[in-house]
N, C-alpha and C. Protein backbone atom coordinates (compact mmCIF):
# COMPACT_ATOMS: atom_id res chain seq x y z
N UNK A 1 45.45 -48.80 -47.69
CA UNK A 1 46.14 -49.82 -46.97
C UNK A 1 45.76 -49.73 -45.50
N UNK A 2 45.21 -50.77 -45.00
CA UNK A 2 44.79 -50.78 -43.61
C UNK A 2 45.80 -51.55 -42.78
N UNK A 3 46.23 -50.95 -41.69
CA UNK A 3 47.13 -51.65 -40.78
C UNK A 3 46.35 -52.60 -39.89
N UNK A 4 45.08 -52.30 -39.67
CA UNK A 4 44.25 -53.11 -38.79
C UNK A 4 42.85 -53.21 -39.37
N UNK A 5 42.24 -54.36 -39.18
CA UNK A 5 40.87 -54.54 -39.63
C UNK A 5 39.86 -54.11 -38.59
N UNK A 6 40.34 -53.79 -37.41
CA UNK A 6 39.47 -53.45 -36.31
C UNK A 6 38.95 -52.03 -36.44
N UNK A 7 37.78 -51.78 -35.85
CA UNK A 7 37.26 -50.42 -35.79
C UNK A 7 37.54 -49.78 -34.43
N UNK A 8 38.15 -50.58 -33.52
CA UNK A 8 38.46 -50.05 -32.19
C UNK A 8 39.68 -49.15 -32.26
N UNK A 9 39.57 -47.92 -31.78
CA UNK A 9 40.70 -47.00 -31.84
C UNK A 9 41.96 -47.53 -31.16
N UNK A 10 41.81 -48.25 -30.04
CA UNK A 10 43.01 -48.72 -29.34
C UNK A 10 43.77 -49.73 -30.19
N UNK A 11 43.06 -50.56 -30.94
CA UNK A 11 43.72 -51.54 -31.80
C UNK A 11 44.32 -50.88 -33.04
N UNK A 12 43.68 -49.82 -33.52
CA UNK A 12 44.24 -49.07 -34.64
C UNK A 12 45.53 -48.38 -34.23
N UNK A 13 45.52 -47.77 -33.04
CA UNK A 13 46.74 -47.13 -32.52
C UNK A 13 47.85 -48.16 -32.32
N UNK A 14 47.50 -49.29 -31.75
CA UNK A 14 48.50 -50.33 -31.51
C UNK A 14 49.11 -50.80 -32.83
N UNK A 15 48.30 -50.99 -33.85
CA UNK A 15 48.81 -51.42 -35.15
C UNK A 15 49.72 -50.35 -35.75
N UNK A 16 49.37 -49.10 -35.56
CA UNK A 16 50.18 -48.00 -36.09
C UNK A 16 51.54 -47.93 -35.39
N UNK A 17 51.54 -48.08 -34.07
CA UNK A 17 52.78 -47.96 -33.31
C UNK A 17 53.68 -49.18 -33.47
N UNK A 18 53.11 -50.34 -33.77
CA UNK A 18 53.90 -51.56 -33.90
C UNK A 18 54.15 -51.96 -35.34
N UNK A 19 53.78 -51.10 -36.29
CA UNK A 19 53.95 -51.42 -37.70
C UNK A 19 55.44 -51.48 -38.07
N UNK A 20 55.81 -52.39 -38.97
CA UNK A 20 57.19 -52.42 -39.43
C UNK A 20 57.48 -51.21 -40.32
N UNK A 21 58.76 -50.92 -40.51
CA UNK A 21 59.16 -49.69 -41.21
C UNK A 21 58.67 -49.65 -42.65
N UNK A 22 58.61 -50.79 -43.32
CA UNK A 22 58.18 -50.75 -44.72
C UNK A 22 56.69 -50.39 -44.83
N UNK A 23 55.93 -50.55 -43.76
CA UNK A 23 54.54 -50.10 -43.76
C UNK A 23 54.39 -48.70 -43.16
N UNK A 24 55.33 -48.31 -42.30
CA UNK A 24 55.25 -46.97 -41.71
C UNK A 24 55.45 -45.87 -42.75
N UNK A 25 56.17 -46.16 -43.81
CA UNK A 25 56.35 -45.13 -44.85
C UNK A 25 55.03 -44.78 -45.50
N UNK A 26 54.07 -45.71 -45.46
CA UNK A 26 52.74 -45.42 -46.01
C UNK A 26 52.01 -44.36 -45.17
N UNK A 27 52.44 -44.19 -43.92
CA UNK A 27 51.82 -43.21 -43.03
C UNK A 27 52.35 -41.81 -43.28
N UNK A 28 53.31 -41.66 -44.20
CA UNK A 28 53.94 -40.36 -44.46
C UNK A 28 53.38 -39.67 -45.69
N UNK A 29 52.18 -40.03 -46.10
CA UNK A 29 51.55 -39.39 -47.25
C UNK A 29 50.92 -38.06 -46.85
N UNK A 30 51.03 -37.07 -47.75
CA UNK A 30 50.43 -35.76 -47.52
C UNK A 30 49.70 -35.33 -48.78
N UNK A 31 48.62 -34.56 -48.65
CA UNK A 31 47.89 -34.12 -49.83
C UNK A 31 48.70 -33.15 -50.68
N UNK A 32 48.43 -33.17 -51.98
CA UNK A 32 49.07 -32.25 -52.92
C UNK A 32 48.26 -30.97 -53.02
N UNK A 33 48.93 -29.87 -53.35
CA UNK A 33 48.24 -28.61 -53.57
C UNK A 33 47.38 -28.73 -54.84
N UNK A 34 46.36 -27.88 -54.99
CA UNK A 34 45.50 -27.98 -56.17
C UNK A 34 46.27 -27.86 -57.49
N UNK A 35 47.33 -27.04 -57.53
CA UNK A 35 48.11 -26.89 -58.77
C UNK A 35 48.82 -28.20 -59.11
N UNK A 36 49.45 -28.83 -58.10
CA UNK A 36 50.15 -30.09 -58.34
C UNK A 36 49.16 -31.21 -58.65
N UNK A 37 48.00 -31.17 -58.02
CA UNK A 37 46.98 -32.18 -58.28
C UNK A 37 46.54 -32.13 -59.74
N UNK A 38 46.41 -30.92 -60.25
CA UNK A 38 46.04 -30.75 -61.65
C UNK A 38 47.16 -31.21 -62.58
N UNK A 39 48.39 -30.88 -62.22
CA UNK A 39 49.56 -31.21 -63.04
C UNK A 39 49.77 -32.72 -63.15
N UNK A 40 49.53 -33.44 -62.07
CA UNK A 40 49.79 -34.87 -62.03
C UNK A 40 48.53 -35.71 -62.18
N UNK A 41 47.59 -35.23 -62.94
CA UNK A 41 46.44 -36.02 -63.35
C UNK A 41 45.49 -36.43 -62.25
N UNK A 42 45.25 -35.54 -61.30
CA UNK A 42 44.27 -35.83 -60.27
C UNK A 42 44.82 -36.60 -59.08
N UNK A 43 46.10 -36.88 -59.07
CA UNK A 43 46.70 -37.57 -57.92
C UNK A 43 46.52 -36.69 -56.70
N UNK A 44 46.00 -37.25 -55.60
CA UNK A 44 45.63 -36.45 -54.45
C UNK A 44 46.71 -36.35 -53.39
N UNK A 45 47.55 -37.39 -53.25
CA UNK A 45 48.54 -37.36 -52.20
C UNK A 45 49.83 -38.00 -52.68
N UNK A 46 50.89 -37.75 -51.92
CA UNK A 46 52.20 -38.29 -52.25
C UNK A 46 52.96 -38.50 -50.95
N UNK A 47 53.88 -39.44 -50.96
CA UNK A 47 54.72 -39.65 -49.78
C UNK A 47 55.73 -38.51 -49.73
N UNK A 48 55.84 -37.87 -48.59
CA UNK A 48 56.72 -36.71 -48.43
C UNK A 48 58.16 -37.20 -48.29
N UNK A 49 59.08 -36.53 -48.99
CA UNK A 49 60.50 -36.84 -48.88
C UNK A 49 61.26 -35.56 -48.52
N UNK A 50 62.49 -35.74 -48.08
CA UNK A 50 63.34 -34.59 -47.75
C UNK A 50 63.55 -33.76 -49.01
N UNK A 51 63.38 -32.46 -48.90
CA UNK A 51 63.55 -31.56 -50.04
C UNK A 51 62.24 -31.06 -50.63
N UNK A 52 61.12 -31.69 -50.28
CA UNK A 52 59.82 -31.18 -50.72
C UNK A 52 59.53 -29.88 -49.98
N UNK A 53 58.74 -29.01 -50.60
CA UNK A 53 58.28 -27.80 -49.94
C UNK A 53 56.84 -28.01 -49.52
N UNK A 54 56.55 -27.73 -48.26
CA UNK A 54 55.20 -27.96 -47.73
C UNK A 54 54.67 -26.69 -47.07
N UNK A 55 53.35 -26.60 -47.04
CA UNK A 55 52.64 -25.52 -46.36
C UNK A 55 51.90 -26.14 -45.18
N UNK A 56 52.17 -25.64 -43.99
CA UNK A 56 51.50 -26.16 -42.79
C UNK A 56 50.08 -25.59 -42.76
N UNK A 57 49.09 -26.47 -42.61
CA UNK A 57 47.70 -26.04 -42.67
C UNK A 57 46.98 -26.09 -41.33
N UNK A 58 47.56 -26.78 -40.34
CA UNK A 58 46.91 -26.91 -39.04
C UNK A 58 47.90 -26.62 -37.93
N UNK A 59 47.39 -26.23 -36.79
CA UNK A 59 48.22 -26.06 -35.61
C UNK A 59 48.74 -24.65 -35.43
N UNK A 60 49.70 -24.50 -34.53
CA UNK A 60 50.26 -23.19 -34.19
C UNK A 60 51.01 -22.57 -35.35
N UNK A 61 51.52 -23.39 -36.27
CA UNK A 61 52.34 -22.89 -37.37
C UNK A 61 51.58 -22.87 -38.69
N UNK A 62 50.26 -22.86 -38.64
CA UNK A 62 49.45 -22.84 -39.86
C UNK A 62 49.80 -21.61 -40.69
N UNK A 63 49.99 -21.83 -41.98
CA UNK A 63 50.34 -20.74 -42.89
C UNK A 63 51.83 -20.65 -43.16
N UNK A 64 52.66 -21.32 -42.37
CA UNK A 64 54.11 -21.31 -42.60
C UNK A 64 54.46 -22.29 -43.71
N UNK A 65 55.39 -21.88 -44.56
CA UNK A 65 55.83 -22.73 -45.65
C UNK A 65 57.33 -22.93 -45.53
N UNK A 66 57.80 -24.12 -45.84
CA UNK A 66 59.23 -24.38 -45.75
C UNK A 66 59.60 -25.72 -46.34
N UNK A 67 60.91 -25.92 -46.49
CA UNK A 67 61.44 -27.18 -46.99
C UNK A 67 61.37 -28.24 -45.90
N UNK A 68 61.19 -29.48 -46.30
CA UNK A 68 61.23 -30.59 -45.36
C UNK A 68 62.71 -30.90 -45.10
N UNK A 69 63.15 -30.67 -43.86
CA UNK A 69 64.54 -30.92 -43.49
C UNK A 69 64.79 -32.39 -43.19
N UNK A 70 63.79 -33.05 -42.59
CA UNK A 70 63.97 -34.44 -42.19
C UNK A 70 62.62 -35.15 -42.16
N UNK A 71 62.63 -36.42 -42.52
CA UNK A 71 61.44 -37.25 -42.42
C UNK A 71 61.73 -38.32 -41.38
N UNK A 72 60.97 -38.32 -40.30
CA UNK A 72 61.15 -39.28 -39.22
C UNK A 72 60.19 -40.45 -39.45
N UNK A 73 60.72 -41.54 -40.01
CA UNK A 73 59.87 -42.68 -40.34
C UNK A 73 59.41 -43.40 -39.08
N UNK A 74 60.26 -43.46 -38.06
CA UNK A 74 59.90 -44.17 -36.83
C UNK A 74 58.64 -43.58 -36.20
N UNK A 75 58.54 -42.25 -36.14
CA UNK A 75 57.39 -41.60 -35.52
C UNK A 75 56.39 -41.07 -36.53
N UNK A 76 56.66 -41.23 -37.84
CA UNK A 76 55.80 -40.75 -38.92
C UNK A 76 55.56 -39.25 -38.79
N UNK A 77 56.65 -38.48 -38.66
CA UNK A 77 56.57 -37.03 -38.52
C UNK A 77 57.55 -36.36 -39.47
N UNK A 78 57.32 -35.06 -39.71
CA UNK A 78 58.19 -34.26 -40.57
C UNK A 78 58.82 -33.14 -39.77
N UNK A 79 60.03 -32.76 -40.15
CA UNK A 79 60.68 -31.58 -39.61
C UNK A 79 60.76 -30.57 -40.75
N UNK A 80 60.08 -29.44 -40.60
CA UNK A 80 60.00 -28.41 -41.63
C UNK A 80 60.90 -27.24 -41.25
N UNK A 81 61.68 -26.76 -42.22
CA UNK A 81 62.59 -25.65 -41.97
C UNK A 81 61.79 -24.40 -41.57
N UNK A 82 62.16 -23.80 -40.46
CA UNK A 82 61.48 -22.59 -40.00
C UNK A 82 60.38 -22.85 -39.00
N UNK A 83 60.05 -24.10 -38.77
CA UNK A 83 59.02 -24.44 -37.79
C UNK A 83 59.73 -24.96 -36.54
N UNK A 84 59.84 -24.09 -35.53
CA UNK A 84 60.57 -24.45 -34.32
C UNK A 84 59.90 -23.81 -33.12
N UNK A 85 60.10 -24.44 -31.97
CA UNK A 85 59.58 -23.90 -30.72
C UNK A 85 60.75 -23.37 -29.90
N UNK A 86 60.50 -22.35 -29.11
CA UNK A 86 61.53 -21.79 -28.25
C UNK A 86 61.42 -22.43 -26.87
N UNK A 87 62.52 -23.01 -26.42
CA UNK A 87 62.55 -23.67 -25.12
C UNK A 87 62.74 -22.63 -24.02
N UNK A 88 62.61 -23.05 -22.78
CA UNK A 88 62.68 -22.16 -21.63
C UNK A 88 64.04 -21.47 -21.52
N UNK A 89 65.10 -22.15 -21.98
CA UNK A 89 66.43 -21.53 -21.90
C UNK A 89 66.74 -20.64 -23.10
N UNK A 90 65.78 -20.46 -24.00
CA UNK A 90 65.95 -19.56 -25.14
C UNK A 90 66.39 -20.23 -26.42
N UNK A 91 66.79 -21.49 -26.37
CA UNK A 91 67.21 -22.17 -27.59
C UNK A 91 65.99 -22.64 -28.37
N UNK A 92 66.18 -22.82 -29.67
CA UNK A 92 65.09 -23.28 -30.52
C UNK A 92 65.25 -24.76 -30.82
N UNK A 93 64.13 -25.43 -30.87
CA UNK A 93 64.11 -26.86 -31.17
C UNK A 93 63.10 -27.08 -32.29
N UNK A 94 63.46 -27.86 -33.33
CA UNK A 94 62.50 -28.10 -34.41
C UNK A 94 61.24 -28.80 -33.89
N UNK A 95 60.10 -28.39 -34.40
CA UNK A 95 58.83 -28.97 -34.00
C UNK A 95 58.43 -29.99 -35.07
N UNK A 96 58.20 -31.23 -34.67
CA UNK A 96 57.80 -32.27 -35.61
C UNK A 96 56.32 -32.14 -35.91
N UNK A 97 55.98 -32.32 -37.19
CA UNK A 97 54.61 -32.11 -37.66
C UNK A 97 54.11 -33.38 -38.32
N UNK A 98 52.85 -33.68 -38.12
CA UNK A 98 52.24 -34.84 -38.75
C UNK A 98 52.01 -34.54 -40.24
N UNK A 99 52.26 -35.50 -41.13
CA UNK A 99 52.09 -35.25 -42.56
C UNK A 99 50.66 -34.89 -42.96
N UNK A 100 49.67 -35.28 -42.16
CA UNK A 100 48.29 -34.96 -42.50
C UNK A 100 48.00 -33.47 -42.29
N UNK A 101 48.90 -32.76 -41.61
CA UNK A 101 48.69 -31.35 -41.33
C UNK A 101 49.45 -30.43 -42.27
N UNK A 102 49.93 -30.96 -43.38
CA UNK A 102 50.64 -30.15 -44.36
C UNK A 102 50.07 -30.41 -45.75
N UNK A 103 50.37 -29.48 -46.67
CA UNK A 103 50.04 -29.64 -48.09
C UNK A 103 51.33 -29.48 -48.86
N UNK A 104 51.62 -30.41 -49.75
CA UNK A 104 52.84 -30.34 -50.55
C UNK A 104 52.64 -29.31 -51.66
N UNK A 105 53.52 -28.30 -51.70
CA UNK A 105 53.39 -27.24 -52.70
C UNK A 105 54.44 -27.35 -53.81
N UNK A 106 55.58 -27.97 -53.51
CA UNK A 106 56.62 -28.17 -54.52
C UNK A 106 57.30 -29.50 -54.24
N UNK A 107 57.50 -30.29 -55.30
CA UNK A 107 58.06 -31.62 -55.14
C UNK A 107 59.56 -31.63 -55.41
N UNK A 108 60.28 -32.47 -54.71
CA UNK A 108 61.69 -32.72 -54.96
C UNK A 108 61.76 -33.85 -55.98
N UNK A 109 62.13 -33.53 -57.22
CA UNK A 109 62.13 -34.52 -58.29
C UNK A 109 63.55 -34.91 -58.71
N UNK A 110 64.51 -34.83 -57.78
CA UNK A 110 65.87 -35.25 -58.09
C UNK A 110 65.94 -36.76 -58.32
N UNK A 111 65.05 -37.50 -57.70
CA UNK A 111 64.99 -38.94 -57.90
C UNK A 111 64.22 -39.23 -59.18
N UNK A 112 64.90 -39.81 -60.16
CA UNK A 112 64.30 -40.08 -61.47
C UNK A 112 63.11 -41.03 -61.35
N UNK A 113 63.23 -42.04 -60.49
CA UNK A 113 62.14 -43.01 -60.34
C UNK A 113 60.89 -42.38 -59.74
N UNK A 114 61.10 -41.45 -58.81
CA UNK A 114 59.95 -40.77 -58.21
C UNK A 114 59.23 -39.93 -59.27
N UNK A 115 60.00 -39.24 -60.10
CA UNK A 115 59.41 -38.43 -61.16
C UNK A 115 58.63 -39.30 -62.14
N UNK A 116 59.16 -40.46 -62.47
CA UNK A 116 58.46 -41.37 -63.38
C UNK A 116 57.17 -41.89 -62.76
N UNK A 117 57.22 -42.24 -61.48
CA UNK A 117 56.03 -42.74 -60.82
C UNK A 117 54.92 -41.69 -60.78
N UNK A 118 55.31 -40.42 -60.53
CA UNK A 118 54.31 -39.37 -60.44
C UNK A 118 53.65 -39.07 -61.78
N UNK A 119 54.42 -39.14 -62.85
CA UNK A 119 53.87 -38.84 -64.17
C UNK A 119 53.29 -40.06 -64.86
N UNK A 120 53.35 -41.21 -64.22
CA UNK A 120 52.81 -42.41 -64.83
C UNK A 120 53.74 -43.02 -65.85
N UNK A 121 55.06 -42.86 -65.66
CA UNK A 121 56.04 -43.45 -66.56
C UNK A 121 56.34 -42.62 -67.79
N UNK A 122 55.93 -41.35 -67.80
CA UNK A 122 56.16 -40.50 -68.98
C UNK A 122 57.38 -39.59 -68.85
N UNK A 123 58.06 -39.63 -67.71
CA UNK A 123 59.18 -38.71 -67.51
C UNK A 123 60.46 -39.20 -68.12
């Protein structure tokens, strides 16, 4: 799904920042781990939801694994449990992570429709 037909980065950024919410959820896809990819018939990515377990693969927190505490659709970012920065006054603040920098290792399948979609209607 392309938000913009342009190849100019400034127009691609503009389309991303001005996209409506029903299209912004498409920006929240993250790759599946090899085990999950095998289990779900070669499916490579999935939209991340609260309750999924992810492994951070890039940045300062690479290698950290945790539950997704919050999905920020407005900014297309994730808040992962245990990934926080320490502020100058000593308090911790959650660090928002881009979905492209994580790998989903365990899925939250409490939603029956999500489980059916992932298995191709066999659940």
